[in-house]
């Protein structure tokens, strides 16, 4: 069971009729601009390493099936 909301007469910041005065709501966007510090560049060695590993694996599998087709293995 949830507690009922506060009475409208007791809510701070409401004008008569239930509207909010200008400047009482938070802005749509933050008031700061730009980055707080430079962002580090991501390393390229991991993606290149994965590409090399996958290429080697594909070549090994292709060589295996080529040798099986030629009945050398």
Protein backbone atom coordinates (compact mmCIF):
# COMPACT_ATOMS: atom_id res chain seq x y z
CA UNK A 1 0.00 0.00 0.00
CA UNK A 2 1.44 3.39 -0.95
CA UNK A 3 1.15 6.55 1.04
CA UNK A 4 -0.97 9.31 -0.43
CA UNK A 5 0.80 12.30 -1.94
CA UNK A 6 1.21 15.56 -0.02
CA UNK A 7 -1.65 17.97 0.17
CA UNK A 8 -1.45 20.62 -2.58
CA UNK A 9 -1.46 23.39 0.02
CA UNK A 10 1.68 21.92 1.67
CA UNK A 11 3.82 21.38 -1.47
CA UNK A 12 6.60 24.02 -1.68
CA UNK A 13 7.10 25.83 -4.97
CA UNK A 14 3.52 25.62 -6.25
CA UNK A 15 1.59 28.74 -7.11
CA UNK A 16 -2.13 28.95 -6.61
CA UNK A 17 -3.78 26.72 -9.20
CA UNK A 18 -0.94 24.18 -9.13
CA UNK A 19 1.49 25.80 -11.59
CA UNK A 20 5.23 26.14 -10.97
CA UNK A 21 6.88 29.56 -10.97
CA UNK A 22 9.45 30.25 -13.73
CA UNK A 23 12.99 29.25 -12.81
CA UNK A 24 11.81 26.69 -10.23
CA UNK A 25 12.20 23.71 -12.59
CA UNK A 26 15.58 22.28 -13.60
CA UNK A 27 16.89 23.17 -17.06
CA UNK A 28 16.53 20.73 -19.97
CA UNK A 29 20.30 20.40 -20.38
CA UNK A 30 23.33 20.71 -18.15
CA UNK A 31 24.94 24.09 -17.68
CA UNK A 32 28.46 22.94 -18.52
CA UNK A 33 29.87 22.47 -21.98
CA UNK A 34 32.77 20.45 -23.29
CA UNK A 35 34.59 17.54 -21.74
CA UNK A 36 36.11 17.56 -18.29
CA UNK A 37 39.31 15.93 -19.57
CA UNK A 38 40.58 14.55 -22.90
CA UNK A 39 39.21 11.13 -23.74
CA UNK A 40 41.83 8.41 -24.30
CA UNK A 41 42.17 6.92 -27.76
CA UNK A 42 41.16 3.25 -27.82
CA UNK A 43 43.86 0.74 -28.63
CA UNK A 44 43.80 -0.76 -32.12
CA UNK A 45 45.94 -3.79 -31.28
CA UNK A 46 43.08 -5.89 -29.91
CA UNK A 47 40.78 -5.59 -32.98
CA UNK A 48 43.72 -6.20 -35.34
CA UNK A 49 44.78 -9.21 -33.29
CA UNK A 50 41.28 -10.69 -33.47
CA UNK A 51 41.19 -10.19 -37.26
CA UNK A 52 44.54 -11.94 -37.65
CA UNK A 53 43.44 -14.82 -35.39
CA UNK A 54 40.19 -15.31 -37.31
CA UNK A 55 42.02 -15.16 -40.67
CA UNK A 56 44.51 -17.81 -39.53
CA UNK A 57 41.69 -20.02 -38.27
CA UNK A 58 39.83 -19.70 -41.58
CA UNK A 59 42.97 -20.58 -43.52
CA UNK A 60 43.65 -23.64 -41.33
CA UNK A 61 40.08 -24.91 -41.74
CA UNK A 62 40.14 -24.25 -45.50
CA UNK A 63 43.47 -26.07 -45.84
CA UNK A 64 42.11 -29.01 -43.84
CA UNK A 65 39.10 -29.39 -46.13
CA UNK A 66 41.22 -28.90 -49.26
CA UNK A 67 43.58 -31.66 -48.13
CA UNK A 68 40.60 -33.90 -47.26
CA UNK A 69 39.12 -33.31 -50.73
CA UNK A 70 42.45 -34.21 -52.34
CA UNK A 71 42.61 -37.29 -50.07
CA UNK A 72 46.04 -36.31 -48.73
CA UNK A 73 44.87 -36.27 -45.13
